[in-house]
C-alpha atoms as a PDB file:
ATOM      1  CA  MET A   1     -14.307  16.678 -28.275  1.00  0.00           C
ATOM      2  CA  SER A   2     -17.114  16.507 -25.748  1.00  0.00           C
ATOM      3  CA  VAL A   3     -16.971  17.805 -22.214  1.00  0.00           C
ATOM      4  CA  PHE A   4     -16.888  14.320 -20.729  1.00  0.00           C
ATOM      5  CA  GLN A   5     -13.982  13.319 -22.966  1.00  0.00           C
ATOM      6  CA  ARG A   6     -12.047  16.396 -21.930  1.00  0.00           C
ATOM      7  CA  LEU A   7     -12.760  15.703 -18.258  1.00  0.00           C
ATOM      8  CA  SER A   8     -11.684  12.112 -18.716  1.00  0.00           C
ATOM      9  CA  MET A   9      -8.452  13.204 -20.400  1.00  0.00           C
ATOM     10  CA  ILE A  10      -7.735  15.766 -17.674  1.00  0.00           C
ATOM     11  CA  PHE A  11      -8.389  13.222 -14.940  1.00  0.00           C
ATOM     12  CA  LYS A  12      -6.177  10.622 -16.616  1.00  0.00           C
ATOM     13  CA  SER A  13      -3.341  13.122 -17.151  1.00  0.00           C
ATOM     14  CA  LYS A  14      -3.451  14.285 -13.539  1.00  0.00           C
ATOM     15  CA  ALA A  15      -3.680  10.711 -12.282  1.00  0.00           C
ATOM     16  CA  ASN A  16      -0.723   9.759 -14.471  1.00  0.00           C
ATOM     17  CA  ARG A  17       1.308  12.675 -13.119  1.00  0.00           C
ATOM     18  CA  ALA A  18       0.405  11.768  -9.545  1.00  0.00           C
ATOM     19  CA  LEU A  19       1.335   8.135 -10.092  1.00  0.00           C
ATOM     20  CA  ASP A  20       4.589   9.132 -11.779  1.00  0.00           C
ATOM     21  CA  SER A  21       5.537  11.287  -8.799  1.00  0.00           C
ATOM     22  CA  VAL A  22       5.028   8.457  -6.286  1.00  0.00           C
ATOM     23  CA  GLU A  23       6.320   5.610  -8.451  1.00  0.00           C
ATOM     24  CA  ASP A  24       9.679   4.119  -7.564  1.00  0.00           C
ATOM     25  CA  PRO A  25      11.293   2.372 -10.568  1.00  0.00           C
ATOM     26  CA  ARG A  26      13.108  -0.012  -8.260  1.00  0.00           C
ATOM     27  CA  GLU A  27       9.859  -1.219  -6.726  1.00  0.00           C
ATOM     28  CA  THR A  28       8.333  -1.589 -10.197  1.00  0.00           C
ATOM     29  CA  LEU A  29      11.280  -3.684 -11.360  1.00  0.00           C
ATOM     30  CA  ASP A  30      11.099  -5.885  -8.269  1.00  0.00           C
ATOM     31  CA  TYR A  31       7.367  -6.366  -8.836  1.00  0.00           C
ATOM     32  CA  SER A  32       7.913  -7.317 -12.493  1.00  0.00           C
ATOM     33  CA  TYR A  33      10.638  -9.752 -11.470  1.00  0.00           C
ATOM     34  CA  GLN A  34       8.324 -11.296  -8.894  1.00  0.00           C
ATOM     35  CA  LYS A  35       5.621 -11.759 -11.535  1.00  0.00           C
ATOM     36  CA  GLN A  36       8.104 -13.453 -13.863  1.00  0.00           C
ATOM     37  CA  LEU A  37       9.150 -15.803 -11.078  1.00  0.00           C
ATOM     38  CA  GLU A  38       5.504 -16.665 -10.468  1.00  0.00           C
ATOM     39  CA  LEU A  39       5.021 -17.370 -14.186  1.00  0.00           C
ATOM     40  CA  LEU A  40       8.136 -19.534 -14.224  1.00  0.00           C
ATOM     41  CA  GLN A  41       6.828 -21.408 -11.219  1.00  0.00           C
ATOM     42  CA  LYS A  42       3.537 -22.054 -13.020  1.00  0.00           C
ATOM     43  CA  VAL A  43       5.373 -23.364 -16.073  1.00  0.00           C
ATOM     44  CA  ARG A  44       7.431 -25.657 -13.884  1.00  0.00           C
ATOM     45  CA  ARG A  45       4.300 -26.929 -12.175  1.00  0.00           C
ATOM     46  CA  GLY A  46       2.822 -27.535 -15.633  1.00  0.00           C
ATOM     47  CA  VAL A  47       5.864 -29.564 -16.599  1.00  0.00           C
ATOM     48  CA  ALA A  48       5.560 -31.569 -13.413  1.00  0.00           C
ATOM     49  CA  ASP A  49       1.836 -32.168 -13.987  1.00  0.00           C
ATOM     50  CA  VAL A  50       2.419 -33.328 -17.580  1.00  0.00           C
ATOM     51  CA  ALA A  51       5.254 -35.562 -16.462  1.00  0.00           C
ATOM     52  CA  THR A  52       3.002 -37.022 -13.794  1.00  0.00           C
ATOM     53  CA  SER A  53       0.251 -37.716 -16.344  1.00  0.00           C
ATOM     54  CA  ARG A  54       2.772 -39.277 -18.697  1.00  0.00           C
ATOM     55  CA  LYS A  55       4.046 -41.507 -15.933  1.00  0.00           C
ATOM     56  CA  ARG A  56       0.509 -42.527 -15.009  1.00  0.00           C
ATOM     57  CA  VAL A  57      -0.219 -43.478 -18.636  1.00  0.00           C
ATOM     58  CA  GLU A  58       2.973 -45.506 -18.730  1.00  0.00           C
ATOM     59  CA  LEU A  59       1.846 -47.425 -15.653  1.00  0.00           C
ATOM     60  CA  GLN A  60      -1.581 -48.067 -17.187  1.00  0.00           C
ATOM     61  CA  VAL A  61       0.015 -49.303 -20.403  1.00  0.00           C
ATOM     62  CA  GLN A  62       2.223 -51.656 -18.412  1.00  0.00           C
ATOM     63  CA  GLN A  63      -0.774 -52.995 -16.511  1.00  0.00           C
ATOM     64  CA  LEU A  64      -2.820 -53.509 -19.680  1.00  0.00           C
ATOM     65  CA  GLU A  65       0.101 -55.196 -21.392  1.00  0.00           C
ATOM     66  CA  GLN A  66       0.425 -57.562 -18.448  1.00  0.00           C
ATOM     67  CA  GLN A  67      -3.298 -58.346 -18.667  1.00  0.00           C
ATOM     68  CA  SER A  68      -2.988 -58.812 -22.429  1.00  0.00           C
ATOM     69  CA  GLY A  69      -0.144 -61.270 -21.966  1.00  0.00           C
ATOM     70  CA  LYS A  70      -2.127 -63.121 -19.323  1.00  0.00           C
ATOM     71  CA  LEU A  71      -5.163 -63.435 -21.644  1.00  0.00           C
ATOM     72  CA  GLU A  72      -2.917 -64.683 -24.434  1.00  0.00           C
ATOM     73  CA  ASN A  73      -1.572 -67.423 -22.172  1.00  0.00           C
ATOM     74  CA  GLN A  74      -5.103 -68.280 -21.060  1.00  0.00           C
ATOM     75  CA  SER A  75      -6.286 -68.580 -24.640  1.00  0.00           C
ATOM     76  CA  ARG A  76      -3.445 -70.973 -25.418  1.00  0.00           C
ATOM     77  CA  SER A  77      -4.223 -73.047 -22.372  1.00  0.00           C
ATOM     78  CA  ALA A  78      -7.901 -73.181 -23.397  1.00  0.00           C
ATOM     79  CA  LEU A  79      -6.978 -74.378 -26.906  1.00  0.00           C
ATOM     80  CA  GLN A  80      -4.769 -77.047 -25.429  1.00  0.00           C
ATOM     81  CA  ALA A  81      -7.670 -78.131 -23.254  1.00  0.00           C
ATOM     82  CA  GLY A  82      -9.996 -78.231 -26.262  1.00  0.00           C
ATOM     83  CA  ARG A  83     -11.988 -75.221 -25.182  1.00  0.00           C
ATOM     84  CA  GLU A  84     -11.939 -73.191 -28.306  1.00  0.00           C
ATOM     85  CA  ASP A  85     -14.791 -71.020 -27.058  1.00  0.00           C
ATOM     86  CA  LEU A  86     -12.808 -69.955 -24.003  1.00  0.00           C
ATOM     87  CA  ALA A  87      -9.788 -69.327 -26.148  1.00  0.00           C
ATOM     88  CA  ARG A  88     -11.876 -67.150 -28.476  1.00  0.00           C
ATOM     89  CA  GLU A  89     -13.252 -65.178 -25.493  1.00  0.00           C
ATOM     90  CA  ALA A  90      -9.792 -64.624 -24.089  1.00  0.00           C
ATOM     91  CA  LEU A  91      -8.523 -63.395 -27.418  1.00  0.00           C
ATOM     92  CA  THR A  92     -11.547 -61.069 -27.735  1.00  0.00           C
ATOM     93  CA  ARG A  93     -10.777 -59.488 -24.366  1.00  0.00           C
ATOM     94  CA  ARG A  94      -7.133 -59.280 -25.325  1.00  0.00           C
ATOM     95  CA  SER A  95      -8.110 -57.407 -28.482  1.00  0.00           C
ATOM     96  CA  GLY A  96     -10.073 -54.871 -26.401  1.00  0.00           C
ATOM     97  CA  LEU A  97      -7.123 -54.400 -24.131  1.00  0.00           C
ATOM     98  CA  GLN A  98      -4.850 -53.919 -27.094  1.00  0.00           C
ATOM     99  CA  SER A  99      -7.121 -51.148 -28.363  1.00  0.00           C
ATOM    100  CA  GLN A 100      -6.833 -49.423 -24.981  1.00  0.00           C
ATOM    101  CA  ILE A 101      -3.092 -49.920 -25.000  1.00  0.00           C
ATOM    102  CA  ASP A 102      -2.780 -48.312 -28.421  1.00  0.00           C
ATOM    103  CA  SER A 103      -4.907 -45.354 -27.284  1.00  0.00           C
ATOM    104  CA  LEU A 104      -2.851 -44.932 -24.137  1.00  0.00           C
ATOM    105  CA  LYS A 105       0.367 -45.078 -26.135  1.00  0.00           C
ATOM    106  CA  GLN A 106      -0.896 -42.240 -28.325  1.00  0.00           C
ATOM    107  CA  GLN A 107      -1.721 -40.219 -25.212  1.00  0.00           C
ATOM    108  CA  HIS A 108       1.718 -41.055 -23.887  1.00  0.00           C
ATOM    109  CA  GLU A 109       3.347 -39.706 -27.027  1.00  0.00           C
ATOM    110  CA  GLN A 110       1.249 -36.523 -26.857  1.00  0.00           C
ATOM    111  CA  LEU A 111       2.071 -36.014 -23.189  1.00  0.00           C
ATOM    112  CA  GLN A 112       5.733 -36.654 -23.853  1.00  0.00           C
ATOM    113  CA  GLY A 113       5.739 -34.057 -26.622  1.00  0.00           C
ATOM    114  CA  GLU A 114       3.886 -31.574 -24.400  1.00  0.00           C
ATOM    115  CA  GLU A 115       6.364 -32.224 -21.633  1.00  0.00           C
ATOM    116  CA  GLN A 116       9.265 -31.491 -23.940  1.00  0.00           C
ATOM    117  CA  LYS A 117       7.648 -28.260 -25.094  1.00  0.00           C
ATOM    118  CA  LEU A 118       6.971 -27.128 -21.558  1.00  0.00           C
ATOM    119  CA  THR A 119      10.470 -28.074 -20.476  1.00  0.00           C
ATOM    120  CA  LEU A 120      11.947 -26.050 -23.337  1.00  0.00           C
ATOM    121  CA  ALA A 121       9.632 -23.123 -22.518  1.00  0.00           C
ATOM    122  CA  ALA A 122      10.647 -23.310 -18.853  1.00  0.00           C
ATOM    123  CA  GLN A 123      14.305 -23.249 -19.821  1.00  0.00           C
ATOM    124  CA  ARG A 124      13.811 -20.247 -22.102  1.00  0.00           C
ATOM    125  CA  LEU A 125      11.756 -18.455 -19.463  1.00  0.00           C
ATOM    126  CA  GLN A 126      14.413 -19.222 -16.863  1.00  0.00           C
ATOM    127  CA  ALA A 127      17.048 -17.650 -19.116  1.00  0.00           C
ATOM    128  CA  LYS A 128      14.863 -14.561 -19.598  1.00  0.00           C
ATOM    129  CA  VAL A 129      14.225 -14.286 -15.865  1.00  0.00           C
ATOM    130  CA  ASP A 130      17.941 -14.543 -15.129  1.00  0.00           C
ATOM    131  CA  SER A 131      18.716 -11.890 -17.744  1.00  0.00           C
ATOM    132  CA  PHE A 132      15.965  -9.647 -16.410  1.00  0.00           C
ATOM    133  CA  ARG A 133      17.263 -10.063 -12.872  1.00  0.00           C
ATOM    134  CA  THR A 134      20.757  -8.985 -13.929  1.00  0.00           C
ATOM    135  CA  ARG A 135      19.396  -6.005 -15.847  1.00  0.00           C
ATOM    136  CA  LYS A 136      17.066  -5.158 -12.968  1.00  0.00           C
ATOM    137  CA  GLU A 137      19.884  -5.027 -10.449  1.00  0.00           C
ATOM    138  CA  THR A 138      21.970  -2.911 -12.821  1.00  0.00           C
ATOM    139  CA  ILE A 139      19.138  -0.438 -13.352  1.00  0.00           C
ATOM    140  CA  LYS A 140      18.415  -0.297  -9.624  1.00  0.00           C
ATOM    141  CA  ALA A 141      22.066   0.381  -8.825  1.00  0.00           C
ATOM    142  CA  THR A 142      22.262   3.068 -11.512  1.00  0.00           C
ATOM    143  CA  TYR A 143      19.037   4.677 -10.305  1.00  0.00           C
ATOM    144  CA  THR A 144      20.193   4.635  -6.682  1.00  0.00           C
ATOM    145  CA  ALA A 145      23.512   6.231  -7.646  1.00  0.00           C
ATOM    146  CA  ALA A 146      21.755   8.878  -9.753  1.00  0.00           C
ATOM    147  CA  GLN A 147      19.324   9.598  -6.935  1.00  0.00           C
ATOM    148  CA  ALA A 148      22.158   9.980  -4.435  1.00  0.00           C
ATOM    149  CA  GLN A 149      24.073  12.241  -6.832  1.00  0.00           C
ATOM    150  CA  THR A 150      20.965  14.358  -7.363  1.00  0.00           C
ATOM    151  CA  GLN A 151      20.382  14.687  -3.624  1.00  0.00           C
ATOM    152  CA  ILE A 152      24.024  15.662  -3.053  1.00  0.00           C
ATOM    153  CA  SER A 153      23.902  18.226  -5.865  1.00  0.00           C
ATOM    154  CA  GLU A 154      20.646  19.678  -4.573  1.00  0.00           C
ATOM    155  CA  ALA A 155      22.070  19.795  -1.058  1.00  0.00           C
ATOM    156  CA  PHE A 156      25.173  21.685  -2.238  1.00  0.00           C
ATOM    157  CA  SER A 157      23.088  24.046  -4.354  1.00  0.00           C
ATOM    158  CA  GLY A 158      20.556  24.559  -1.562  1.00  0.00           C
ATOM    159  CA  ILE A 159      17.510  23.753  -3.707  1.00  0.00           C
ATOM    160  CA  SER A 160      16.589  20.517  -1.999  1.00  0.00           C
ATOM    161  CA  GLU A 161      13.575  20.517   0.282  1.00  0.00           C
ATOM    162  CA  GLU A 162      15.548  19.506   3.365  1.00  0.00           C
ATOM    163  CA  MET A 163      18.304  22.057   2.800  1.00  0.00           C
ATOM    164  CA  GLY A 164      15.690  24.653   1.929  1.00  0.00           C
ATOM    165  CA  ASP A 165      14.103  24.141   5.326  1.00  0.00           C
ATOM    166  CA  VAL A 166      17.539  24.377   6.957  1.00  0.00           C
ATOM    167  CA  GLY A 167      18.272  27.598   5.059  1.00  0.00           C
ATOM    168  CA  LEU A 168      14.964  29.103   6.151  1.00  0.00           C
ATOM    169  CA  ALA A 169      15.655  28.115   9.747  1.00  0.00           C
ATOM    170  CA  ILE A 170      19.091  29.731   9.599  1.00  0.00           C
ATOM    171  CA  GLN A 171      17.611  32.885   8.070  1.00  0.00           C
ATOM    172  CA  ARG A 172      14.961  33.080  10.783  1.00  0.00           C
ATOM    173  CA  ALA A 173      17.591  32.557  13.472  1.00  0.00           C
ATOM    174  CA  GLU A 174      19.763  35.327  12.013  1.00  0.00           C
ATOM    175  CA  ASP A 175      16.780  37.679  11.787  1.00  0.00           C
ATOM    176  CA  LYS A 176      15.794  36.996  15.395  1.00  0.00           C
ATOM    177  CA  THR A 177      19.390  37.444  16.545  1.00  0.00           C
ATOM    178  CA  ALA A 178      19.686  40.788  14.748  1.00  0.00           C
ATOM    179  CA  GLN A 179      16.352  41.876  16.192  1.00  0.00           C
ATOM    180  CA  MET A 180      17.400  40.939  19.738  1.00  0.00           C
ATOM    181  CA  GLN A 181      20.736  42.728  19.326  1.00  0.00           C
ATOM    182  CA  ALA A 182      18.984  45.862  18.106  1.00  0.00           C
ATOM    183  CA  ARG A 183      16.517  45.672  20.973  1.00  0.00           C
ATOM    184  CA  ALA A 184      19.290  45.218  23.532  1.00  0.00           C
ATOM    185  CA  GLY A 185      21.172  48.217  22.121  1.00  0.00           C
ATOM    186  CA  ALA A 186      18.042  50.368  22.209  1.00  0.00           C
ATOM    187  CA  VAL A 187      17.307  49.415  25.798  1.00  0.00           C
ATOM    188  CA  ASP A 188      20.892  50.201  26.821  1.00  0.00           C
ATOM    189  CA  GLU A 189      20.634  53.629  25.211  1.00  0.00           C
ATOM    190  CA  LEU A 190      17.326  54.308  26.925  1.00  0.00           C
ATOM    191  CA  LEU A 191      18.754  53.216  30.280  1.00  0.00           C
ATOM    192  CA  ALA A 192      21.839  55.386  29.790  1.00  0.00           C
ATOM    193  CA  SER A 193      19.732  58.447  28.914  1.00  0.00           C
ATOM    194  CA  GLY A 194      17.437  57.916  31.879  1.00  0.00           C
ATOM    195  CA  ALA A 195      14.363  57.400  29.743  1.00  0.00           C
ATOM    196  CA  LEU A 196      13.936  53.982  31.358  1.00  0.00           C
ATOM    197  CA  ASP A 197      14.352  53.037  34.977  1.00  0.00           C
ATOM    198  CA  ASP A 198      16.497  50.108  35.980  1.00  0.00           C
ATOM    199  CA  VAL A 199      14.209  47.841  38.032  1.00  0.00           C
ATOM    200  CA  SER A 200      17.221  46.149  39.612  1.00  0.00           C
ATOM    201  CA  GLY A 201      17.744  49.255  41.830  1.00  0.00           C
ATOM    202  CA  SER A 202      21.089  50.260  40.368  1.00  0.00           C
ATOM    203  CA  SER A 203      19.684  53.134  38.288  1.00  0.00           C
ATOM    204  CA  LYS A 204      20.823  56.706  38.939  1.00  0.00           C
ATOM    205  CA  ASP A 205      18.455  59.349  40.228  1.00  0.00           C
ATOM    206  CA  ASP A 206      18.000  62.770  38.578  1.00  0.00           C
ATOM    207  CA  ILE A 207      20.527  64.553  40.854  1.00  0.00           C
ATOM    208  CA  GLN A 208      23.221  61.976  40.258  1.00  0.00           C
ATOM    209  CA  ALA A 209      22.548  62.066  36.517  1.00  0.00           C
ATOM    210  CA  GLU A 210      22.852  65.881  36.543  1.00  0.00           C
ATOM    211  CA  LEU A 211      26.096  65.722  38.516  1.00  0.00           C
ATOM    212  CA  ASP A 212      27.481  63.179  36.039  1.00  0.00           C
ATOM    213  CA  ARG A 213      26.577  65.433  33.126  1.00  0.00           C
ATOM    214  CA  MET A 214      28.219  68.434  34.822  1.00  0.00           C
ATOM    215  CA  ALA A 215      31.355  66.422  35.487  1.00  0.00           C
ATOM    216  CA  SER A 216      31.415  65.319  31.915  1.00  0.00           C
ATOM    217  CA  THR A 217      30.973  68.919  30.685  1.00  0.00           C
ATOM    218  CA  SER A 218      33.705  70.188  33.017  1.00  0.00           C
ATOM    219  CA  GLY A 219      36.068  67.525  31.776  1.00  0.00           C
ATOM    220  CA  VAL A 220      35.361  68.538  28.188  1.00  0.00           C
ATOM    221  CA  GLU A 221      36.024  72.234  28.942  1.00  0.00           C
ATOM    222  CA  LEU A 222      39.291  71.438  30.688  1.00  0.00           C
ATOM    223  CA  GLU A 223      40.422  69.318  27.788  1.00  0.00           C
ATOM    224  CA  LEU A 224      39.484  72.129  25.384  1.00  0.00           C
ATOM    225  CA  GLU A 225      41.510  74.692  27.350  1.00  0.00           C
ATOM    226  CA  ARG A 226      44.494  72.401  27.432  1.00  0.00           C
ATOM    227  CA  MET A 227      44.359  71.974  23.678  1.00  0.00           C
ATOM    228  CA  LYS A 228      44.107  75.763  23.221  1.00  0.00           C
ATOM    229  CA  ARG A 229      47.222  76.316  25.333  1.00  0.00           C
ATOM    230  CA  GLU A 230      49.124  73.721  23.405  1.00  0.00           C
ATOM    231  CA  LEU A 231      48.152  75.345  20.120  1.00  0.00           C
ATOM    232  CA  GLY A 232      49.059  78.832  21.423  1.00  0.00           C
ATOM    233  CA  GLN A 233      52.536  77.761  22.554  1.00  0.00           C
ATOM    234  CA  GLY A 234      53.351  76.029  19.296  1.00  0.00           C
ATOM    235  CA  SER A 235      52.046  78.698  16.864  1.00  0.00           C
ATOM    236  CA  GLY A 236      55.029  81.203  17.116  1.00  0.00           C
ATOM    237  CA  SER A 237      58.862  80.906  17.166  1.00  0.00           C
ATOM    238  CA  GLY A 238      59.471  82.962  20.365  1.00  0.00           C
ATOM    239  CA  GLY A 239      57.517  86.156  19.635  1.00  0.00           C
ATOM    240  CA  ALA A 240      54.255  84.814  20.949  1.00  0.00           C
ATOM    241  CA  THR A 241      52.127  87.123  22.967  1.00  0.00           C
ATOM    242  CA  PRO A 242      52.342  86.081  26.594  1.00  0.00           C
ATOM    243  CA  GLN A 243      49.152  84.850  28.069  1.00  0.00           C
ATOM    244  CA  ILE A 244      47.655  87.003  30.811  1.00  0.00           C
ATOM    245  CA  GLU A 245      46.580  84.934  33.675  1.00  0.00           C
ATOM    246  CA  GLU A 246      43.193  85.522  35.089  1.00  0.00           C
ATOM    247  CA  GLY A 247      44.651  86.190  38.551  1.00  0.00           C
ATOM    248  CA  ASP A 248      46.982  88.924  37.263  1.00  0.00           C
ATOM    249  CA  SER A 249      44.188  90.820  35.526  1.00  0.00           C
ATOM    250  CA  ARG A 250      42.132  90.745  38.658  1.00  0.00           C
ATOM    251  CA  ALA A 251      45.107  91.948  40.861  1.00  0.00           C
ATOM    252  CA  GLY A 252      46.096  94.827  38.562  1.00  0.00           C
ATOM    253  CA  GLY A 253      42.596  96.224  38.054  1.00  0.00           C
ATOM    254  CA  SER A 254      42.464  99.877  37.013  1.00  0.00           C
ATOM    255  CA  ALA A 255      46.080 100.467  37.928  1.00  0.00           C
ATOM    256  CA  GLY A 256      47.061  98.420  34.986  1.00  0.00           C
ATOM    257  CA  ASN A 257      44.967 100.640  32.777  1.00  0.00           C
ATOM    258  CA  GLY A 258      46.534 103.811  34.212  1.00  0.00           C
ATOM    259  CA  SER A 259      50.047 102.571  33.599  1.00  0.00           C
ATOM    260  CA  GLN A 260      49.189 101.969  29.971  1.00  0.00           C
ATOM    261  CA  ILE A 261      47.804 105.525  29.461  1.00  0.00           C
ATOM    262  CA  GLN A 262      50.620 107.381  31.379  1.00  0.00           C
ATOM    263  CA  PRO A 263      53.438 106.510  28.962  1.00  0.00           C
ATOM    264  CA  TYR A 264      51.379 107.807  26.084  1.00  0.00           C
ATOM    265  CA  ARG A 265      50.871 111.211  27.750  1.00  0.00           C
ATOM    266  CA  GLN A 266      54.571 111.609  28.530  1.00  0.00           C
ATOM    267  CA  GLY A 267      55.470 111.033  24.946  1.00  0.00           C
ATOM    268  CA  GLU A 268      52.946 113.500  23.792  1.00  0.00           C
ATOM    269  CA  GLY A 269      54.342 116.388  26.057  1.00  0.00           C
ATOM    270  CA  SER A 270      57.895 115.916  24.925  1.00  0.00           C
END
């Protein structure tokens, strides 16, 4: 196979694929039906033309027959008048007319036969056109239903072009929403930590932020102490070591230490 043949085959295959992708079977069927109607119309016009020619020949035959009858009467009148020469001339003309009449009658028979053939062909073509029209409408309805079913199935499965675009749009919207939510959360954290200033004027200064942190720390320590006391009170069944308050230790001072040592020395002397 030569290069040009291969190129021609490739071009034809691609052109065929392109035409197949843009071809609508319904439009093709309608076009074929239109062409059949045009052909039927031509056949009908042919029948009408043949019938017209046949009718014209019939009129000519009638006229020639009238002339032939007239010449026959004239020849008889001439014979009665003793003019045999005129009678012979009239009969000669009548013979020529009769030859034309016979020729026209043959044409009339041919035209009549052609008219019958065309009429029969028109009837058969009309039947085929009617059958094709019924089949065409059935195929079009079936194709339309199949196309609708395919579009619905593709829409439900998400593989159609329109639904694919909708799915991509939804995905982009979800991505942008997640990105904006993450950005808003990051900005709130930065504003809360003081890394960013609030341009609306409601941001806290460094002193206020430090005071808030101290208050928060103090609250945590107080809560921790409370939990410790609760755990200390609930750990024993009555023999728990009493807690020494900070004020008592400060008031007793060294005297408390002396009272603890003195009982030990008395026991030792005895």
